[in-house]
């Protein structure tokens, strides 16, 4: 049985490159936090108090600690769901025809891989450490969370833009 994949557009490479860059930045920053700074044993490092600190949090839920998945079955379900989403995003990336959409898909894909297909299987939880609670932002997060959030915003912006085939442009 042959799987017929959509033909790859030139912007697909951009989406894959963005996903790869997010993954490298995310995992590199986590390696720094875990193995160089050794934040798990320090719990917190004051960087620019009270605005920004490094605070160690093992997130067993999804973004910003929502939907806790402490049990192995919940963790495996999150990994499986993320693998499915990444596969769909990878197929979607093959067809992207707008730079903003390529960036958006790449950011979400790279963040999902970093948090759910690397951290969860290796550590059993996601490594969160960026703490801007001094700015009244109550969650501790990481590079992958940021990429996913920015990617979703870019997806919304792209969806609101008139496309080349829209009737609004023909008027």
N, C-alpha and C. Protein backbone atom coordinates (compact mmCIF):
# COMPACT_ATOMS: atom_id res chain seq x y z
N UNK A 1 0.84 -1.19 0.00
CA UNK A 1 0.00 0.00 0.00
C UNK A 1 0.89 1.24 0.00
N UNK A 2 0.65 2.11 -0.96
CA UNK A 2 1.44 3.33 -1.08
C UNK A 2 0.67 4.50 -0.49
N UNK A 3 1.35 5.26 0.34
CA UNK A 3 0.75 6.45 0.95
C UNK A 3 1.03 7.64 0.06
N UNK A 4 -0.04 8.27 -0.46
CA UNK A 4 0.12 9.44 -1.31
C UNK A 4 0.12 10.70 -0.45
N UNK A 5 1.31 11.27 -0.26
CA UNK A 5 1.45 12.49 0.52
C UNK A 5 1.26 13.69 -0.39
N UNK A 6 0.73 14.79 0.16
CA UNK A 6 0.63 16.00 -0.65
C UNK A 6 2.02 16.45 -1.07
N UNK A 7 2.10 17.04 -2.26
CA UNK A 7 3.38 17.53 -2.75
C UNK A 7 3.90 18.64 -1.84
N UNK A 8 5.17 18.62 -1.54
CA UNK A 8 5.77 19.58 -0.64
C UNK A 8 5.96 20.93 -1.33
N UNK A 9 5.49 22.00 -0.70
CA UNK A 9 5.68 23.35 -1.22
C UNK A 9 7.04 23.87 -0.77
N UNK A 10 7.56 24.91 -1.41
CA UNK A 10 8.84 25.48 -0.97
C UNK A 10 8.81 25.98 0.48
N UNK A 11 7.65 26.43 0.95
CA UNK A 11 7.55 26.92 2.33
C UNK A 11 7.51 25.80 3.36
N UNK A 12 7.34 24.57 2.93
CA UNK A 12 7.37 23.44 3.86
C UNK A 12 8.72 23.38 4.56
N UNK A 13 9.77 23.63 3.81
CA UNK A 13 11.12 23.60 4.41
C UNK A 13 11.26 24.66 5.51
N UNK A 14 10.63 25.80 5.31
CA UNK A 14 10.65 26.84 6.34
C UNK A 14 9.96 26.33 7.61
N UNK A 15 8.80 25.73 7.45
CA UNK A 15 8.06 25.21 8.61
C UNK A 15 8.90 24.17 9.35
N UNK A 16 9.54 23.26 8.62
CA UNK A 16 10.37 22.23 9.25
C UNK A 16 11.60 22.84 9.91
N UNK A 17 12.19 23.86 9.28
CA UNK A 17 13.37 24.52 9.86
C UNK A 17 12.99 25.25 11.15
N UNK A 18 11.83 25.91 11.16
CA UNK A 18 11.37 26.59 12.38
C UNK A 18 11.13 25.56 13.48
N UNK A 19 10.48 24.44 13.15
CA UNK A 19 10.25 23.39 14.15
C UNK A 19 11.58 22.87 14.70
N UNK A 20 12.55 22.67 13.82
CA UNK A 20 13.86 22.20 14.27
C UNK A 20 14.57 23.21 15.16
N UNK A 21 14.48 24.48 14.80
CA UNK A 21 15.11 25.53 15.60
C UNK A 21 14.46 25.62 16.99
N UNK A 22 13.14 25.53 17.03
CA UNK A 22 12.43 25.55 18.32
C UNK A 22 12.89 24.37 19.17
N UNK A 23 12.96 23.20 18.57
CA UNK A 23 13.37 22.01 19.30
C UNK A 23 14.79 22.17 19.86
N UNK A 24 15.71 22.68 19.06
CA UNK A 24 17.09 22.87 19.52
C UNK A 24 17.15 23.90 20.65
N UNK A 25 16.46 25.03 20.49
CA UNK A 25 16.45 26.06 21.53
C UNK A 25 15.79 25.55 22.82
N UNK A 26 14.69 24.84 22.67
CA UNK A 26 13.97 24.31 23.83
C UNK A 26 14.82 23.29 24.58
N UNK A 27 15.32 22.30 23.88
CA UNK A 27 16.08 21.25 24.55
C UNK A 27 17.43 21.77 25.04
N UNK A 28 18.03 22.71 24.30
CA UNK A 28 19.28 23.31 24.76
C UNK A 28 19.10 24.09 26.05
N UNK A 29 18.01 24.87 26.12
CA UNK A 29 17.75 25.64 27.35
C UNK A 29 17.43 24.71 28.52
N UNK A 30 16.74 23.61 28.26
CA UNK A 30 16.43 22.66 29.33
C UNK A 30 17.69 21.93 29.80
N UNK A 31 18.59 21.59 28.87
CA UNK A 31 19.86 20.96 29.26
C UNK A 31 20.67 21.92 30.14
N UNK A 32 20.68 23.19 29.78
CA UNK A 32 21.37 24.20 30.58
C UNK A 32 20.78 24.26 31.99
N UNK A 33 19.47 24.29 32.07
CA UNK A 33 18.78 24.38 33.37
C UNK A 33 19.02 23.13 34.21
N UNK A 34 18.93 21.96 33.58
CA UNK A 34 19.03 20.70 34.32
C UNK A 34 20.47 20.30 34.65
N UNK A 35 21.40 20.53 33.72
CA UNK A 35 22.73 19.95 33.88
C UNK A 35 23.85 20.94 34.14
N UNK A 36 23.66 22.20 33.78
CA UNK A 36 24.70 23.19 34.03
C UNK A 36 24.35 24.02 35.27
N UNK A 37 23.19 24.62 35.25
CA UNK A 37 22.74 25.41 36.41
C UNK A 37 22.30 24.48 37.53
N UNK A 38 21.86 23.27 37.19
CA UNK A 38 21.38 22.27 38.14
C UNK A 38 20.21 22.81 38.98
N UNK A 39 19.26 23.42 38.28
CA UNK A 39 18.12 24.04 38.94
C UNK A 39 17.26 23.06 39.76
N UNK A 40 17.12 21.77 39.36
CA UNK A 40 16.30 20.89 40.20
C UNK A 40 16.77 20.83 41.65
N UNK A 41 18.05 20.95 41.88
CA UNK A 41 18.56 20.91 43.26
C UNK A 41 18.55 22.28 43.93
N UNK A 42 18.38 23.34 43.15
CA UNK A 42 18.35 24.69 43.71
C UNK A 42 16.92 25.21 43.84
N UNK A 43 16.02 24.71 43.02
CA UNK A 43 14.61 25.10 42.95
C UNK A 43 14.37 26.48 42.38
N UNK A 44 15.20 27.46 42.73
CA UNK A 44 15.00 28.80 42.17
C UNK A 44 16.33 29.54 42.12
N UNK A 45 16.45 30.35 41.06
CA UNK A 45 17.62 31.21 40.92
C UNK A 45 17.11 32.60 40.59
N UNK A 46 17.43 33.56 41.44
CA UNK A 46 17.00 34.92 41.21
C UNK A 46 17.84 35.52 40.08
N UNK A 47 17.18 36.01 39.05
CA UNK A 47 17.87 36.57 37.89
C UNK A 47 17.70 38.07 37.85
N UNK A 48 16.47 38.52 37.81
CA UNK A 48 16.14 39.95 37.81
C UNK A 48 14.93 40.16 38.71
N UNK A 49 15.12 39.93 40.02
CA UNK A 49 13.97 40.02 40.93
C UNK A 49 13.43 41.44 40.96
N UNK A 50 12.16 41.63 41.11
CA UNK A 50 11.12 40.61 41.24
C UNK A 50 10.51 40.20 39.90
N UNK A 51 11.03 40.74 38.80
CA UNK A 51 10.38 40.54 37.49
C UNK A 51 10.59 39.14 36.94
N UNK A 52 11.84 38.67 36.93
CA UNK A 52 12.14 37.39 36.28
C UNK A 52 13.07 36.55 37.13
N UNK A 53 12.71 35.27 37.27
CA UNK A 53 13.54 34.30 37.97
C UNK A 53 13.49 32.98 37.22
N UNK A 54 14.44 32.12 37.52
CA UNK A 54 14.39 30.75 37.05
C UNK A 54 13.84 29.92 38.21
N UNK A 55 12.72 29.27 37.98
CA UNK A 55 12.06 28.47 39.01
C UNK A 55 11.77 27.10 38.44
N UNK A 56 12.25 26.05 39.10
CA UNK A 56 12.08 24.69 38.61
C UNK A 56 10.68 24.17 38.90
N UNK A 57 9.99 23.76 37.83
CA UNK A 57 8.66 23.15 37.95
C UNK A 57 8.60 21.94 37.03
N UNK A 58 8.19 20.81 37.56
CA UNK A 58 7.95 19.61 36.75
C UNK A 58 6.47 19.60 36.41
N UNK A 59 6.13 19.97 35.19
CA UNK A 59 4.74 20.09 34.77
C UNK A 59 4.23 18.74 34.25
N UNK A 60 3.28 18.16 34.96
CA UNK A 60 2.72 16.88 34.55
C UNK A 60 1.42 17.06 33.76
N UNK A 61 0.98 18.30 33.59
CA UNK A 61 -0.22 18.59 32.81
C UNK A 61 0.15 19.07 31.42
N UNK A 62 -0.77 19.75 30.79
CA UNK A 62 -0.49 20.35 29.47
C UNK A 62 -0.06 21.79 29.71
N UNK A 63 -0.10 22.62 28.71
CA UNK A 63 0.39 23.99 28.83
C UNK A 63 -0.13 24.68 30.08
N UNK A 64 0.79 25.34 30.75
CA UNK A 64 0.52 26.10 31.96
C UNK A 64 -0.09 25.23 33.07
N UNK A 65 0.22 23.94 33.08
CA UNK A 65 -0.20 23.05 34.15
C UNK A 65 -1.65 22.63 34.13
N UNK A 66 -2.35 22.90 33.04
CA UNK A 66 -3.75 22.50 32.95
C UNK A 66 -3.85 20.99 32.70
N UNK A 67 -4.95 20.39 33.08
CA UNK A 67 -5.21 18.97 32.84
C UNK A 67 -4.06 18.09 33.32
N UNK A 68 -3.87 18.02 34.61
CA UNK A 68 -2.79 17.23 35.19
C UNK A 68 -2.87 15.78 34.73
N UNK A 69 -1.71 15.22 34.39
CA UNK A 69 -1.63 13.83 33.95
C UNK A 69 -0.54 13.13 34.75
N UNK A 70 -0.78 12.93 36.04
CA UNK A 70 0.22 12.35 36.92
C UNK A 70 0.41 10.86 36.72
N UNK A 71 -0.63 10.14 36.37
CA UNK A 71 -0.53 8.70 36.20
C UNK A 71 0.11 8.37 34.86
N UNK A 72 0.72 7.18 34.79
CA UNK A 72 1.37 6.76 33.55
C UNK A 72 0.41 6.73 32.37
N UNK A 73 -0.82 6.30 32.58
CA UNK A 73 -1.79 6.24 31.49
C UNK A 73 -2.08 7.64 30.94
N UNK A 74 -2.23 8.62 31.82
CA UNK A 74 -2.46 10.00 31.38
C UNK A 74 -1.27 10.54 30.62
N UNK A 75 -0.07 10.27 31.11
CA UNK A 75 1.16 10.72 30.43
C UNK A 75 1.28 10.08 29.06
N UNK A 76 1.00 8.79 28.97
CA UNK A 76 1.06 8.11 27.68
C UNK A 76 0.00 8.64 26.72
N UNK A 77 -1.18 8.98 27.25
CA UNK A 77 -2.24 9.54 26.41
C UNK A 77 -1.80 10.90 25.85
N UNK A 78 -1.15 11.73 26.68
CA UNK A 78 -0.66 13.03 26.21
C UNK A 78 0.43 12.85 25.15
N UNK A 79 1.30 11.87 25.34
CA UNK A 79 2.35 11.59 24.36
C UNK A 79 1.73 11.14 23.04
N UNK A 80 0.76 10.23 23.12
CA UNK A 80 0.11 9.71 21.91
C UNK A 80 -0.64 10.83 21.18
N UNK A 81 -1.36 11.66 21.94
CA UNK A 81 -2.09 12.76 21.33
C UNK A 81 -1.12 13.73 20.66
N UNK A 82 -0.02 14.04 21.34
CA UNK A 82 0.98 14.96 20.77
C UNK A 82 1.59 14.37 19.50
N UNK A 83 1.86 13.07 19.50
CA UNK A 83 2.42 12.43 18.30
C UNK A 83 1.44 12.56 17.13
N UNK A 84 0.16 12.38 17.41
CA UNK A 84 -0.88 12.52 16.39
C UNK A 84 -0.91 13.96 15.86
N UNK A 85 -0.89 14.93 16.76
CA UNK A 85 -0.93 16.34 16.37
C UNK A 85 0.32 16.70 15.55
N UNK A 86 1.48 16.23 15.98
CA UNK A 86 2.72 16.52 15.24
C UNK A 86 2.66 15.91 13.85
N UNK A 87 2.12 14.70 13.73
CA UNK A 87 2.00 14.08 12.41
C UNK A 87 1.08 14.89 11.50
N UNK A 88 -0.05 15.35 12.04
CA UNK A 88 -0.97 16.18 11.26
C UNK A 88 -0.30 17.50 10.87
N UNK A 89 0.41 18.11 11.82
CA UNK A 89 1.11 19.37 11.51
C UNK A 89 2.19 19.14 10.45
N UNK A 90 2.87 18.01 10.53
CA UNK A 90 3.89 17.70 9.53
C UNK A 90 3.30 17.57 8.14
N UNK A 91 2.12 16.94 8.05
CA UNK A 91 1.44 16.84 6.76
C UNK A 91 0.94 18.20 6.29
N UNK A 92 0.41 18.99 7.22
CA UNK A 92 -0.07 20.33 6.88
C UNK A 92 1.10 21.19 6.38
N UNK A 93 2.26 21.04 7.04
CA UNK A 93 3.44 21.83 6.65
C UNK A 93 3.82 21.57 5.20
N UNK A 94 3.58 20.37 4.71
CA UNK A 94 3.92 20.05 3.32
C UNK A 94 3.15 20.93 2.33
N UNK A 95 1.98 21.43 2.76
CA UNK A 95 1.11 22.18 1.85
C UNK A 95 1.08 23.68 2.10
N UNK A 96 1.80 24.18 3.11
CA UNK A 96 1.70 25.61 3.41
C UNK A 96 2.15 26.45 2.22
N UNK A 97 1.40 27.53 2.00
CA UNK A 97 1.70 28.39 0.85
C UNK A 97 1.84 29.86 1.24
N UNK A 98 1.90 30.11 2.56
CA UNK A 98 2.07 31.48 3.04
C UNK A 98 3.15 31.47 4.13
N UNK A 99 4.07 32.42 4.11
CA UNK A 99 5.15 32.43 5.10
C UNK A 99 4.65 32.47 6.55
N UNK A 100 3.64 33.28 6.83
CA UNK A 100 3.13 33.36 8.19
C UNK A 100 2.60 32.00 8.66
N UNK A 101 1.92 31.30 7.79
CA UNK A 101 1.41 29.97 8.12
C UNK A 101 2.56 28.98 8.34
N UNK A 102 3.61 29.09 7.54
CA UNK A 102 4.78 28.21 7.73
C UNK A 102 5.41 28.43 9.10
N UNK A 103 5.56 29.70 9.47
CA UNK A 103 6.10 30.02 10.80
C UNK A 103 5.20 29.47 11.90
N UNK A 104 3.90 29.68 11.76
CA UNK A 104 2.96 29.24 12.79
C UNK A 104 2.99 27.73 12.97
N UNK A 105 2.90 26.99 11.87
CA UNK A 105 2.90 25.53 11.95
C UNK A 105 4.24 25.04 12.52
N UNK A 106 5.34 25.64 12.09
CA UNK A 106 6.65 25.24 12.60
C UNK A 106 6.80 25.50 14.09
N UNK A 107 6.32 26.64 14.56
CA UNK A 107 6.41 26.95 15.99
C UNK A 107 5.61 25.95 16.83
N UNK A 108 4.38 25.67 16.42
CA UNK A 108 3.55 24.73 17.18
C UNK A 108 4.14 23.32 17.12
N UNK A 109 4.58 22.91 15.95
CA UNK A 109 5.14 21.57 15.79
C UNK A 109 6.41 21.41 16.65
N UNK A 110 7.32 22.35 16.58
CA UNK A 110 8.55 22.27 17.37
C UNK A 110 8.29 22.27 18.87
N UNK A 111 7.35 23.10 19.31
CA UNK A 111 7.01 23.13 20.73
C UNK A 111 6.37 21.83 21.20
N UNK A 112 5.49 21.28 20.39
CA UNK A 112 4.84 20.02 20.76
C UNK A 112 5.85 18.88 20.83
N UNK A 113 6.81 18.87 19.92
CA UNK A 113 7.84 17.82 19.96
C UNK A 113 8.69 17.97 21.22
N UNK A 114 9.14 19.20 21.50
CA UNK A 114 10.00 19.42 22.66
C UNK A 114 9.36 19.05 23.97
N UNK A 115 8.13 19.49 24.17
CA UNK A 115 7.46 19.22 25.45
C UNK A 115 6.95 17.80 25.57
N UNK A 116 6.33 17.30 24.52
CA UNK A 116 5.58 16.06 24.66
C UNK A 116 6.24 14.82 24.08
N UNK A 117 7.10 14.99 23.09
CA UNK A 117 7.75 13.81 22.51
C UNK A 117 9.19 13.65 22.98
N UNK A 118 9.71 14.65 23.70
CA UNK A 118 11.04 14.53 24.29
C UNK A 118 10.94 14.52 25.82
N UNK A 119 10.42 15.60 26.40
CA UNK A 119 10.39 15.70 27.86
C UNK A 119 9.57 14.60 28.53
N UNK A 120 8.34 14.41 28.11
CA UNK A 120 7.47 13.44 28.80
C UNK A 120 8.03 12.02 28.79
N UNK A 121 8.50 11.51 27.64
CA UNK A 121 9.07 10.16 27.67
C UNK A 121 10.35 10.06 28.51
N UNK A 122 11.19 11.09 28.47
CA UNK A 122 12.47 11.03 29.19
C UNK A 122 12.32 11.31 30.68
N UNK A 123 11.61 12.38 31.02
CA UNK A 123 11.52 12.83 32.42
C UNK A 123 10.20 12.48 33.10
N UNK A 124 9.20 12.11 32.33
CA UNK A 124 7.89 11.84 32.90
C UNK A 124 7.08 13.10 33.12
N UNK A 125 7.63 14.25 32.79
CA UNK A 125 6.98 15.54 32.95
C UNK A 125 7.71 16.54 32.05
N UNK A 126 7.12 17.71 31.90
CA UNK A 126 7.73 18.77 31.11
C UNK A 126 8.55 19.66 32.03
N UNK A 127 9.73 20.05 31.58
CA UNK A 127 10.62 20.91 32.34
C UNK A 127 10.22 22.37 32.09
N UNK A 128 9.69 23.03 33.14
CA UNK A 128 9.34 24.45 33.06
C UNK A 128 10.26 25.21 34.01
N UNK A 129 10.66 26.43 33.61
CA UNK A 129 11.61 27.17 34.44
C UNK A 129 11.56 28.68 34.27
N UNK A 130 10.90 29.21 33.25
CA UNK A 130 10.83 30.66 33.05
C UNK A 130 9.71 31.23 33.91
N UNK A 131 10.08 32.07 34.85
CA UNK A 131 9.13 32.58 35.85
C UNK A 131 9.09 34.11 35.80
N UNK A 132 7.98 34.62 35.25
CA UNK A 132 7.76 36.06 35.18
C UNK A 132 6.64 36.47 36.14
N UNK A 133 6.57 35.83 37.28
CA UNK A 133 5.48 36.11 38.24
C UNK A 133 5.53 37.54 38.76
N UNK A 134 6.70 38.18 38.70
CA UNK A 134 6.80 39.58 39.10
C UNK A 134 6.03 40.51 38.18
N UNK A 135 5.68 40.03 37.00
CA UNK A 135 4.87 40.80 36.05
C UNK A 135 3.40 40.37 36.11
N UNK A 136 3.04 39.69 37.19
CA UNK A 136 1.67 39.20 37.41
C UNK A 136 1.29 38.09 36.44
N UNK A 137 2.27 37.39 35.89
CA UNK A 137 2.02 36.22 35.04
C UNK A 137 2.27 35.02 35.94
N UNK A 138 1.21 34.31 36.36
CA UNK A 138 1.35 33.31 37.42
C UNK A 138 1.96 31.97 37.01
N UNK A 139 2.18 31.73 35.72
CA UNK A 139 2.64 30.42 35.28
C UNK A 139 4.15 30.40 35.04
N UNK A 140 4.74 29.26 35.28
CA UNK A 140 6.14 29.02 34.93
C UNK A 140 6.09 28.22 33.63
N UNK A 141 6.93 28.57 32.66
CA UNK A 141 6.83 27.95 31.34
C UNK A 141 8.23 27.73 30.76
N UNK A 142 8.30 27.36 29.49
CA UNK A 142 9.58 27.10 28.84
C UNK A 142 9.54 27.60 27.39
N UNK A 143 10.62 27.37 26.65
CA UNK A 143 10.71 27.83 25.27
C UNK A 143 9.64 27.18 24.40
N UNK A 144 9.40 25.88 24.58
CA UNK A 144 8.38 25.18 23.78
C UNK A 144 6.99 25.76 24.03
N UNK A 145 6.66 26.04 25.29
CA UNK A 145 5.35 26.65 25.60
C UNK A 145 5.22 27.99 24.87
N UNK A 146 6.29 28.78 24.90
CA UNK A 146 6.26 30.07 24.22
C UNK A 146 6.05 29.90 22.72
N UNK A 147 6.75 28.94 22.13
CA UNK A 147 6.62 28.70 20.69
C UNK A 147 5.19 28.28 20.34
N UNK A 148 4.62 27.39 21.14
CA UNK A 148 3.24 26.95 20.88
C UNK A 148 2.28 28.13 20.98
N UNK A 149 2.43 28.93 22.02
CA UNK A 149 1.53 30.09 22.21
C UNK A 149 1.66 31.09 21.06
N UNK A 150 2.88 31.42 20.69
CA UNK A 150 3.10 32.36 19.58
C UNK A 150 2.58 31.76 18.28
N UNK A 151 2.83 30.46 18.08
CA UNK A 151 2.35 29.78 16.87
C UNK A 151 0.84 29.81 16.75
N UNK A 152 0.14 29.59 17.85
CA UNK A 152 -1.33 29.63 17.83
C UNK A 152 -1.82 31.04 17.50
N UNK A 153 -1.19 32.06 18.07
CA UNK A 153 -1.57 33.44 17.75
C UNK A 153 -1.34 33.71 16.26
N UNK A 154 -0.20 33.26 15.73
CA UNK A 154 0.07 33.45 14.30
C UNK A 154 -0.93 32.69 13.43
N UNK A 155 -1.35 31.50 13.88
CA UNK A 155 -2.40 30.76 13.14
C UNK A 155 -3.69 31.56 13.09
N UNK A 156 -4.06 32.17 14.21
CA UNK A 156 -5.28 32.99 14.25
C UNK A 156 -5.14 34.21 13.35
N UNK A 157 -4.00 34.86 13.40
CA UNK A 157 -3.78 36.03 12.53
C UNK A 157 -3.86 35.61 11.07
N UNK A 158 -3.22 34.48 10.74
CA UNK A 158 -3.24 34.00 9.35
C UNK A 158 -4.67 33.68 8.92
N UNK A 159 -5.44 33.08 9.82
CA UNK A 159 -6.82 32.71 9.49
C UNK A 159 -7.69 33.95 9.25
N UNK A 160 -7.35 35.06 9.89
CA UNK A 160 -8.13 36.29 9.73
C UNK A 160 -7.70 37.12 8.52
N UNK A 161 -6.57 36.77 7.92
CA UNK A 161 -6.10 37.49 6.74
C UNK A 161 -6.89 37.05 5.51
N UNK A 162 -7.24 37.98 4.64
CA UNK A 162 -7.90 37.57 3.38
C UNK A 162 -6.91 36.76 2.54
N UNK A 163 -7.37 35.65 2.03
CA UNK A 163 -6.54 34.78 1.20
C UNK A 163 -6.72 35.15 -0.27
N UNK A 164 -5.81 34.70 -1.12
CA UNK A 164 -5.82 35.09 -2.53
C UNK A 164 -7.11 34.72 -3.25
N UNK A 165 -7.79 33.68 -2.80
CA UNK A 165 -9.02 33.27 -3.46
C UNK A 165 -10.28 33.83 -2.82
N UNK A 166 -10.13 34.69 -1.79
CA UNK A 166 -11.29 35.23 -1.09
C UNK A 166 -12.07 36.21 -1.97
N UNK A 167 -13.39 36.20 -1.81
CA UNK A 167 -14.25 37.13 -2.52
C UNK A 167 -13.97 38.58 -2.13
N UNK A 168 -13.49 38.81 -0.89
CA UNK A 168 -13.24 40.17 -0.44
C UNK A 168 -12.13 40.83 -1.24
N UNK A 169 -11.17 40.05 -1.76
CA UNK A 169 -10.10 40.61 -2.57
C UNK A 169 -10.55 40.88 -3.99
N UNK A 170 -11.59 40.19 -4.43
CA UNK A 170 -12.07 40.32 -5.81
C UNK A 170 -12.95 41.54 -6.00
N UNK A 171 -13.45 42.09 -4.91
CA UNK A 171 -14.38 43.21 -5.00
C UNK A 171 -13.72 44.48 -5.42
